[in-house]
Amino acid sequence: MKAKEIRNLSAEQIKAKVSDTREELMKLRFQQVTGQLTDTSRLRTLRRDIARMETILAQTEKAAQ
């Protein structure tokens, strides 16, 4: 997800996206452990998306104060 797309979301929507992305990451980690995961680059992408969303969320909360 691009930073521009994330900035257009509300804080609640970003929190929901972070939660959903964390769940997906957890499922992919289980697949990796069991040897079922073929696209390992997806793990890296999800970790970066989570970090990007949390950073933008922190910036918007700081700007609101």
N, C-alpha and C. Protein backbone atom coordinates (compact mmCIF):
# COMPACT_ATOMS: atom_id res chain seq x y z
N MET A 1 0.84 -1.17 0.00
CA MET A 1 0.00 0.00 0.00
C MET A 1 0.90 1.24 0.00
N LYS A 2 0.59 2.18 -0.83
CA LYS A 2 1.38 3.39 -0.96
C LYS A 2 1.07 4.36 0.18
N ALA A 3 2.05 5.19 0.51
CA ALA A 3 1.88 6.15 1.60
C ALA A 3 0.76 7.14 1.28
N LYS A 4 0.63 7.51 0.03
CA LYS A 4 -0.41 8.45 -0.37
C LYS A 4 -1.81 7.86 -0.11
N GLU A 5 -1.95 6.57 -0.37
CA GLU A 5 -3.23 5.89 -0.13
C GLU A 5 -3.53 5.83 1.36
N ILE A 6 -2.51 5.60 2.16
CA ILE A 6 -2.69 5.49 3.61
C ILE A 6 -3.07 6.84 4.19
N ARG A 7 -2.46 7.91 3.71
CA ARG A 7 -2.76 9.24 4.23
C ARG A 7 -4.20 9.65 3.96
N ASN A 8 -4.84 9.09 2.96
CA ASN A 8 -6.23 9.41 2.65
C ASN A 8 -7.21 8.70 3.58
N LEU A 9 -6.75 7.75 4.38
CA LEU A 9 -7.61 7.01 5.29
C LEU A 9 -7.71 7.71 6.64
N SER A 10 -8.79 7.43 7.36
CA SER A 10 -8.93 7.96 8.72
C SER A 10 -8.08 7.12 9.67
N ALA A 11 -7.91 7.60 10.88
CA ALA A 11 -7.10 6.89 11.88
C ALA A 11 -7.70 5.53 12.19
N GLU A 12 -9.00 5.45 12.29
CA GLU A 12 -9.66 4.18 12.58
C GLU A 12 -9.48 3.18 11.43
N GLN A 13 -9.55 3.67 10.21
CA GLN A 13 -9.35 2.80 9.06
C GLN A 13 -7.92 2.28 9.01
N ILE A 14 -6.96 3.13 9.35
CA ILE A 14 -5.57 2.71 9.36
C ILE A 14 -5.36 1.64 10.42
N LYS A 15 -5.93 1.83 11.59
CA LYS A 15 -5.80 0.83 12.67
C LYS A 15 -6.39 -0.50 12.24
N ALA A 16 -7.53 -0.45 11.55
CA ALA A 16 -8.16 -1.69 11.06
C ALA A 16 -7.27 -2.37 10.02
N LYS A 17 -6.68 -1.59 9.14
CA LYS A 17 -5.78 -2.15 8.12
C LYS A 17 -4.55 -2.78 8.76
N VAL A 18 -4.00 -2.14 9.79
CA VAL A 18 -2.84 -2.68 10.48
C VAL A 18 -3.20 -4.03 11.10
N SER A 19 -4.35 -4.08 11.72
CA SER A 19 -4.80 -5.33 12.35
C SER A 19 -4.96 -6.44 11.31
N ASP A 20 -5.60 -6.12 10.20
CA ASP A 20 -5.80 -7.12 9.14
C ASP A 20 -4.46 -7.58 8.55
N THR A 21 -3.56 -6.64 8.37
CA THR A 21 -2.26 -6.96 7.79
C THR A 21 -1.45 -7.83 8.74
N ARG A 22 -1.54 -7.55 10.04
CA ARG A 22 -0.83 -8.38 11.03
C ARG A 22 -1.36 -9.82 11.02
N GLU A 23 -2.68 -9.96 10.89
CA GLU A 23 -3.27 -11.30 10.82
C GLU A 23 -2.77 -12.05 9.58
N GLU A 24 -2.74 -11.34 8.45
CA GLU A 24 -2.25 -11.96 7.21
C GLU A 24 -0.79 -12.36 7.35
N LEU A 25 0.00 -11.51 7.99
CA LEU A 25 1.42 -11.81 8.21
C LEU A 25 1.58 -13.05 9.08
N MET A 26 0.75 -13.16 10.10
CA MET A 26 0.82 -14.33 10.98
C MET A 26 0.50 -15.61 10.21
N LYS A 27 -0.52 -15.55 9.36
CA LYS A 27 -0.89 -16.72 8.55
C LYS A 27 0.24 -17.12 7.61
N LEU A 28 0.88 -16.11 7.02
CA LEU A 28 1.99 -16.40 6.12
C LEU A 28 3.18 -16.99 6.86
N ARG A 29 3.41 -16.54 8.08
CA ARG A 29 4.50 -17.11 8.86
C ARG A 29 4.25 -18.58 9.16
N PHE A 30 3.00 -18.92 9.48
CA PHE A 30 2.66 -20.33 9.71
C PHE A 30 2.88 -21.14 8.44
N GLN A 31 2.50 -20.58 7.29
CA GLN A 31 2.70 -21.27 6.03
C GLN A 31 4.19 -21.48 5.76
N GLN A 32 4.99 -20.51 6.12
CA GLN A 32 6.43 -20.62 5.89
C GLN A 32 7.03 -21.72 6.76
N VAL A 33 6.59 -21.80 8.00
CA VAL A 33 7.11 -22.81 8.91
C VAL A 33 6.73 -24.21 8.43
N THR A 34 5.52 -24.36 7.91
CA THR A 34 5.07 -25.67 7.46
C THR A 34 5.55 -25.99 6.05
N GLY A 35 6.21 -25.04 5.40
CA GLY A 35 6.74 -25.30 4.07
C GLY A 35 5.75 -25.10 2.93
N GLN A 36 4.64 -24.46 3.20
CA GLN A 36 3.61 -24.27 2.18
C GLN A 36 3.74 -22.93 1.46
N LEU A 37 4.54 -22.02 1.98
CA LEU A 37 4.65 -20.68 1.42
C LEU A 37 5.60 -20.70 0.22
N THR A 38 5.12 -20.20 -0.91
CA THR A 38 5.95 -20.15 -2.11
C THR A 38 6.48 -18.73 -2.37
N ASP A 39 5.69 -17.71 -2.04
CA ASP A 39 6.09 -16.32 -2.30
C ASP A 39 6.59 -15.70 -1.00
N THR A 40 7.86 -15.88 -0.70
CA THR A 40 8.41 -15.37 0.55
C THR A 40 8.59 -13.86 0.55
N SER A 41 8.58 -13.24 -0.60
CA SER A 41 8.73 -11.79 -0.65
C SER A 41 7.51 -11.08 -0.08
N ARG A 42 6.41 -11.78 0.00
CA ARG A 42 5.17 -11.20 0.56
C ARG A 42 5.37 -10.86 2.05
N LEU A 43 6.17 -11.65 2.76
CA LEU A 43 6.44 -11.37 4.17
C LEU A 43 7.10 -10.00 4.33
N ARG A 44 8.08 -9.75 3.53
CA ARG A 44 8.79 -8.48 3.59
C ARG A 44 7.87 -7.32 3.25
N THR A 45 7.05 -7.51 2.24
CA THR A 45 6.12 -6.47 1.82
C THR A 45 5.14 -6.14 2.93
N LEU A 46 4.60 -7.16 3.58
CA LEU A 46 3.64 -6.92 4.65
C LEU A 46 4.29 -6.23 5.84
N ARG A 47 5.50 -6.64 6.21
CA ARG A 47 6.20 -5.98 7.32
C ARG A 47 6.41 -4.50 7.04
N ARG A 48 6.78 -4.20 5.83
CA ARG A 48 7.01 -2.80 5.45
C ARG A 48 5.71 -2.02 5.42
N ASP A 49 4.63 -2.64 4.94
CA ASP A 49 3.32 -1.98 4.94
C ASP A 49 2.87 -1.65 6.36
N ILE A 50 3.08 -2.59 7.27
CA ILE A 50 2.70 -2.35 8.67
C ILE A 50 3.50 -1.18 9.24
N ALA A 51 4.79 -1.17 9.00
CA ALA A 51 5.64 -0.09 9.49
C ALA A 51 5.22 1.25 8.89
N ARG A 52 4.91 1.26 7.61
CA ARG A 52 4.48 2.48 6.93
C ARG A 52 3.18 3.00 7.53
N MET A 53 2.22 2.09 7.76
CA MET A 53 0.93 2.51 8.32
C MET A 53 1.09 3.03 9.75
N GLU A 54 1.91 2.37 10.55
CA GLU A 54 2.11 2.81 11.93
C GLU A 54 2.83 4.16 11.98
N THR A 55 3.76 4.38 11.08
CA THR A 55 4.46 5.66 11.02
C THR A 55 3.51 6.79 10.67
N ILE A 56 2.69 6.58 9.66
CA ILE A 56 1.76 7.61 9.24
C ILE A 56 0.70 7.85 10.32
N LEU A 57 0.28 6.79 11.00
CA LEU A 57 -0.68 6.92 12.09
C LEU A 57 -0.07 7.77 13.22
N ALA A 58 1.17 7.52 13.56
CA ALA A 58 1.84 8.29 14.60
C ALA A 58 1.98 9.76 14.19
N GLN A 59 2.27 10.00 12.92
CA GLN A 59 2.42 11.36 12.44
C GLN A 59 1.09 12.11 12.51
N THR A 60 0.02 11.45 12.13
CA THR A 60 -1.29 12.12 12.15
C THR A 60 -1.75 12.37 13.59
N GLU A 61 -1.47 11.44 14.49
CA GLU A 61 -1.84 11.64 15.89
C GLU A 61 -1.03 12.77 16.51
N LYS A 62 0.24 12.86 16.15
CA LYS A 62 1.09 13.93 16.66
C LYS A 62 0.65 15.28 16.12
N ALA A 63 0.26 15.32 14.86
CA ALA A 63 -0.20 16.56 14.25
C ALA A 63 -1.53 17.02 14.84
N ALA A 64 -2.36 16.07 15.27
CA ALA A 64 -3.65 16.42 15.86
C ALA A 64 -3.48 17.05 17.23
N GLN A 65 -2.39 16.72 17.90
CA GLN A 65 -2.17 17.28 19.25
C GLN A 65 -1.55 18.62 19.11
